[in-house]
Amino acid sequence: MADILVKYRSFPALEIQLAANAVATGYQLLVAENVNREPPIFRDQCRYTAQYFEQLAIQVRDQLGWQWVNADYNNFETTTLLHKRIEEYIGGPTGYMAAPAEHHELMHEIHYCLHAIQHNSSRGQWLQVEWYNNDGFFLPQDFEFQMELKFGDVKLQNPYVGHCPLLVWEQNDYTNVSQTCKFHDFAKPGINIVIENYQPRRYSDGHPYDQSLYLAWFREHGVDFLAEFGESQLLHYTGWPVVGRVTNLDVLTDVKAAPLLELESVQVV
């Protein structure tokens, strides 16, 4: 029996069955509270192109003074460096509240578009339904993260502006690890549905995850980060917080193949 239904226009609802643990139970209540309060937001990555990013870059130049007008937004190194400015602006404890309210929508749009063009404006690895608030709860220390993701897995939304340790390592993102690397220790109400099988692999050379090499990378590039948190904490938060699965994978296959998607409803059963 489904616990959450996510329906895109022209498709049957995706049926999500949550895990039988305290985190999944708390997450279900959290999603229900948000569904009852306000409509969720879904941004289809296929709408977010390098051409659209050019328009957003002009807006942040004019409104914030950021010199983001660039000749090549399809360059991964360029987009990674641009992300640092977002981390500096809204990556602290107050998140988007650090920016004036009139800049919030622009920040959401350009942040989302930045990641979309890193995936060539395809849907990347997941679909995400979300609410823009600070609702949620901290994960217990005994929660176990998964090293692999399977098509149809439902994982928790990233709660911070920044990346989890595994993604920082995969991207070889050694510029200011202490700023960028964030432990996924908080559950938000967002519904993140995996649409590609995933195993951790370093982007630069295709090297698969190896714990000894992983730790060696952080010892070289994240000295201050490890001094603050330690290697045991790093390893604890290495992986992905999966809380359930889509059970009707045939529908998810059709949804993934759609040219454009429009969210119709979310229902907690």
Protein backbone atom coordinates (compact mmCIF):
# COMPACT_ATOMS: atom_id res chain seq x y z
CA MET A 1 0.00 0.00 0.00
CA ALA A 2 1.30 3.45 -0.92
CA ASP A 3 2.18 6.01 1.76
CA ILE A 4 2.61 8.99 -0.59
CA LEU A 5 1.21 9.61 -4.08
CA VAL A 6 2.97 12.03 -6.47
CA LYS A 7 0.98 12.75 -9.64
CA TYR A 8 2.28 14.42 -12.77
CA ARG A 9 -0.20 15.63 -15.38
CA SER A 10 -1.17 12.96 -17.96
CA PHE A 11 0.30 10.12 -15.87
CA PRO A 12 -1.03 7.87 -13.10
CA ALA A 13 0.26 8.77 -9.64
CA LEU A 14 3.66 7.50 -8.56
CA GLU A 15 3.09 5.23 -5.55
CA ILE A 16 5.71 5.62 -2.81
CA GLN A 17 6.09 3.07 -0.03
CA LEU A 18 8.18 4.31 2.88
CA ALA A 19 10.61 2.29 4.96
CA ALA A 20 9.54 0.87 8.32
CA ASN A 21 11.65 3.07 10.60
CA ALA A 22 11.30 6.16 12.78
CA VAL A 23 12.87 8.52 10.22
CA ALA A 24 10.43 7.45 7.50
CA THR A 25 7.51 7.82 9.92
CA GLY A 26 8.59 11.32 10.91
CA TYR A 27 9.17 12.17 7.27
CA GLN A 28 5.65 11.06 6.30
CA LEU A 29 4.15 13.32 8.98
CA LEU A 30 6.36 16.18 7.82
CA VAL A 31 5.22 15.82 4.20
CA ALA A 32 1.57 15.60 5.33
CA GLU A 33 1.86 18.83 7.31
CA ASN A 34 3.27 20.65 4.30
CA VAL A 35 0.75 19.20 1.84
CA ASN A 36 -2.05 20.46 4.08
CA ARG A 37 -0.51 23.91 4.39
CA GLU A 38 0.50 24.91 0.85
CA PRO A 39 1.04 23.51 -2.67
CA PRO A 40 4.45 21.97 -3.37
CA ILE A 41 6.89 23.27 -5.96
CA PHE A 42 8.37 21.22 -8.81
CA ARG A 43 10.94 22.53 -11.28
CA ASP A 44 11.53 20.36 -14.34
CA GLN A 45 15.24 20.45 -15.15
CA CYS A 46 14.48 20.15 -18.85
CA ARG A 47 13.22 23.76 -18.77
CA TYR A 48 16.53 25.07 -17.39
CA THR A 49 19.06 25.61 -20.15
CA ALA A 50 22.34 27.49 -20.61
CA GLN A 51 20.38 30.08 -22.61
CA TYR A 52 18.05 30.68 -19.68
CA PHE A 53 21.05 30.85 -17.35
CA GLU A 54 22.41 33.71 -19.47
CA GLN A 55 19.25 35.68 -18.68
CA LEU A 56 19.58 34.91 -14.97
CA ALA A 57 23.26 35.92 -14.99
CA ILE A 58 22.28 39.35 -16.26
CA GLN A 59 19.70 39.65 -13.48
CA VAL A 60 22.18 38.79 -10.71
CA ARG A 61 24.68 41.20 -12.27
CA ASP A 62 22.13 44.01 -12.23
CA GLN A 63 20.56 43.20 -8.84
CA LEU A 64 23.52 41.84 -6.86
CA GLY A 65 26.59 42.99 -8.73
CA TRP A 66 27.80 39.43 -9.38
CA GLN A 67 29.93 39.24 -12.52
CA TRP A 68 28.45 36.02 -13.84
CA VAL A 69 28.09 36.93 -17.52
CA ASN A 70 30.28 34.29 -19.18
CA ALA A 71 30.92 32.87 -22.63
CA ASP A 72 30.54 29.21 -21.66
CA TYR A 73 28.05 28.02 -19.06
CA ASN A 74 28.42 24.39 -20.18
CA ASN A 75 31.90 24.24 -18.65
CA PHE A 76 31.76 22.21 -15.42
CA GLU A 77 34.66 24.10 -13.82
CA THR A 78 32.87 27.40 -14.49
CA THR A 79 29.58 26.29 -12.94
CA THR A 80 31.36 24.80 -9.91
CA LEU A 81 33.11 28.11 -9.23
CA LEU A 82 29.86 30.05 -9.66
CA HIS A 83 28.26 27.80 -7.07
CA LYS A 84 30.79 29.06 -4.52
CA ARG A 85 29.20 32.51 -4.63
CA ILE A 86 25.79 31.04 -3.82
CA GLU A 87 27.35 29.09 -0.93
CA GLU A 88 28.85 32.31 0.44
CA TYR A 89 25.57 34.20 0.13
CA ILE A 90 22.96 31.71 1.34
CA GLY A 91 24.97 28.70 2.51
CA GLY A 92 25.12 29.67 6.19
CA PRO A 93 22.84 28.65 9.06
CA THR A 94 20.02 31.00 7.98
CA GLY A 95 20.07 29.81 4.34
CA TYR A 96 17.83 31.79 2.02
CA MET A 97 16.81 34.04 4.91
CA ALA A 98 20.25 35.67 4.57
CA ALA A 99 19.02 37.26 1.34
CA PRO A 100 16.30 39.92 1.04
CA ALA A 101 12.89 38.43 0.29
CA GLU A 102 12.83 40.05 -3.15
CA HIS A 103 15.91 38.00 -4.13
CA HIS A 104 14.62 34.60 -2.97
CA GLU A 105 12.99 33.54 -6.24
CA LEU A 106 16.02 34.60 -8.27
CA MET A 107 18.29 32.64 -5.93
CA HIS A 108 16.14 29.52 -6.25
CA GLU A 109 16.00 29.85 -10.04
CA ILE A 110 19.69 30.42 -10.63
CA HIS A 111 20.75 27.79 -8.09
CA TYR A 112 18.48 25.22 -9.68
CA CYS A 113 19.49 26.22 -13.20
CA LEU A 114 23.18 25.97 -12.28
CA HIS A 115 22.75 22.31 -11.36
CA ALA A 116 20.47 21.62 -14.33
CA ILE A 117 23.02 22.76 -16.89
CA GLN A 118 25.64 20.61 -15.18
CA HIS A 119 23.41 17.73 -16.30
CA ASN A 120 23.01 19.22 -19.80
CA SER A 121 19.47 20.30 -18.89
CA SER A 122 18.33 16.70 -18.78
CA ARG A 123 16.58 15.48 -15.67
CA GLY A 124 19.80 14.22 -14.18
CA GLN A 125 19.49 11.64 -11.43
CA TRP A 126 16.22 12.59 -9.75
CA LEU A 127 12.91 14.43 -9.65
CA GLN A 128 12.34 16.70 -6.66
CA VAL A 129 9.14 18.05 -5.19
CA GLU A 130 9.74 20.59 -2.41
CA TRP A 131 8.50 23.32 -0.14
CA TYR A 132 10.50 26.46 0.58
CA ASN A 133 10.64 26.52 4.35
CA ASN A 134 12.84 25.35 7.22
CA ASP A 135 10.51 22.58 8.43
CA GLY A 136 12.14 19.31 9.42
CA PHE A 137 13.95 17.33 12.08
CA PHE A 138 17.48 16.15 12.76
CA LEU A 139 18.33 12.58 11.86
CA PRO A 140 19.22 10.20 14.70
CA GLN A 141 22.82 9.06 14.88
CA ASP A 142 21.85 5.47 14.13
CA PHE A 143 20.36 6.32 10.72
CA GLU A 144 22.23 4.42 8.00
CA PHE A 145 23.14 5.98 4.66
CA GLN A 146 23.22 3.99 1.41
CA MET A 147 26.23 3.96 -0.89
CA GLU A 148 24.17 3.14 -3.99
CA LEU A 149 20.91 4.46 -5.39
CA LYS A 150 18.47 2.43 -7.48
CA PHE A 151 15.88 3.63 -9.98
CA GLY A 152 12.78 4.37 -7.92
CA ASP A 153 14.47 5.03 -4.59
CA VAL A 154 13.11 7.99 -2.61
CA LYS A 155 15.72 9.91 -0.67
CA LEU A 156 15.67 12.98 1.52
CA GLN A 157 16.15 16.38 -0.06
CA ASN A 158 19.51 18.06 0.48
CA PRO A 159 18.78 20.45 3.38
CA TYR A 160 21.67 22.84 2.78
CA VAL A 161 23.29 24.96 0.08
CA GLY A 162 26.40 22.87 -0.41
CA HIS A 163 27.13 19.23 -1.16
CA CYS A 164 27.37 16.02 0.84
CA PRO A 165 30.89 14.57 1.32
CA LEU A 166 30.47 11.92 -1.37
CA LEU A 167 29.49 14.49 -3.99
CA VAL A 168 32.36 16.81 -3.00
CA TRP A 169 34.75 13.89 -3.56
CA GLU A 170 33.08 12.85 -6.84
CA GLN A 171 33.39 16.38 -8.23
CA ASN A 172 36.95 16.72 -6.93
CA ASP A 173 35.72 20.00 -5.46
CA TYR A 174 38.70 20.91 -3.29
CA THR A 175 38.13 24.70 -3.27
CA ASN A 176 37.14 25.52 0.32
CA VAL A 177 35.92 22.09 1.47
CA SER A 178 34.86 23.49 4.85
CA GLN A 179 32.42 25.85 3.12
CA THR A 180 31.06 23.43 0.52
CA CYS A 181 30.88 20.11 2.38
CA LYS A 182 27.71 19.70 4.46
CA PHE A 183 26.61 16.62 6.38
CA HIS A 184 23.06 15.52 5.58
CA ASP A 185 21.89 15.52 9.20
CA PHE A 186 18.42 17.06 8.73
CA ALA A 187 15.20 15.80 7.12
CA LYS A 188 13.19 18.30 5.07
CA PRO A 189 9.76 17.60 3.53
CA GLY A 190 11.03 17.48 -0.08
CA ILE A 191 10.30 14.31 -2.08
CA ASN A 192 13.36 13.28 -4.09
CA ILE A 193 12.72 10.42 -6.54
CA VAL A 194 15.77 8.72 -8.09
CA ILE A 195 15.48 8.16 -11.87
CA GLU A 196 18.94 6.71 -12.57
CA ASN A 197 20.86 3.88 -10.97
CA TYR A 198 23.89 5.31 -9.22
CA GLN A 199 27.19 4.09 -7.81
CA PRO A 200 29.74 6.61 -6.52
CA ARG A 201 32.42 7.36 -9.09
CA ARG A 202 34.81 10.29 -9.40
CA TYR A 203 33.85 12.46 -12.37
CA SER A 204 37.37 13.45 -13.38
CA ASP A 205 38.77 9.95 -13.97
CA GLY A 206 35.85 7.54 -13.47
CA HIS A 207 37.50 5.99 -10.40
CA PRO A 208 34.99 4.08 -8.26
CA TYR A 209 34.62 4.82 -4.56
CA ASP A 210 37.35 3.35 -2.41
CA GLN A 211 37.32 4.25 1.28
CA SER A 212 41.10 4.51 1.61
CA LEU A 213 41.38 6.83 -1.40
CA TYR A 214 38.32 8.76 -0.22
CA LEU A 215 39.88 9.41 3.19
CA ALA A 216 43.20 10.27 1.57
CA TRP A 217 41.45 12.91 -0.56
CA PHE A 218 39.90 14.56 2.51
CA ARG A 219 43.21 14.38 4.40
CA GLU A 220 44.82 16.29 1.54
CA HIS A 221 42.06 18.78 0.66
CA GLY A 222 39.89 18.97 3.78
CA VAL A 223 42.36 19.31 6.65
CA ASP A 224 40.30 21.94 8.48
CA PHE A 225 37.09 20.03 7.82
CA LEU A 226 38.49 16.83 9.31
CA ALA A 227 39.96 18.73 12.24
CA GLU A 228 36.46 19.98 13.06
CA PHE A 229 34.45 16.79 12.51
CA GLY A 230 36.82 13.80 12.39
CA GLU A 231 36.95 10.84 10.04
CA SER A 232 34.32 8.76 11.83
CA GLN A 233 31.73 11.52 11.35
CA LEU A 234 32.76 11.87 7.71
CA LEU A 235 32.25 8.16 7.09
CA HIS A 236 28.95 8.13 8.97
CA TYR A 237 27.51 10.78 6.64
CA THR A 238 29.00 9.28 3.48
CA GLY A 239 26.19 8.06 1.24
CA TRP A 240 22.54 8.89 0.60
CA PRO A 241 19.56 9.03 3.02
CA VAL A 242 16.99 6.71 1.40
CA VAL A 243 13.56 6.56 3.09
CA GLY A 244 11.43 4.60 0.61
CA ARG A 245 10.74 3.46 -2.96
CA VAL A 246 8.35 3.99 -5.84
CA THR A 247 6.51 0.70 -6.33
CA ASN A 248 4.99 1.26 -9.80
CA LEU A 249 8.28 1.59 -11.70
CA ASP A 250 6.53 1.28 -15.07
CA VAL A 251 4.86 4.65 -14.46
CA LEU A 252 8.14 6.20 -13.31
CA THR A 253 9.77 4.97 -16.54
CA ASP A 254 7.10 6.78 -18.58
CA VAL A 255 7.38 9.92 -16.43
CA LYS A 256 11.14 10.02 -16.91
CA ALA A 257 10.73 9.86 -20.70
CA ALA A 258 8.25 12.77 -20.91
CA PRO A 259 9.49 15.87 -22.80
CA LEU A 260 8.23 18.16 -20.02
CA LEU A 261 6.60 17.48 -16.67
CA GLU A 262 3.97 19.38 -14.72
CA LEU A 263 3.21 18.43 -11.14
CA GLU A 264 -0.49 17.96 -10.50
CA SER A 265 -0.73 16.86 -6.86
CA VAL A 266 0.90 15.26 -3.83
CA GLN A 267 -1.17 13.16 -1.45
CA VAL A 268 -0.18 11.51 1.82
CA VAL A 269 -2.30 8.40 2.26
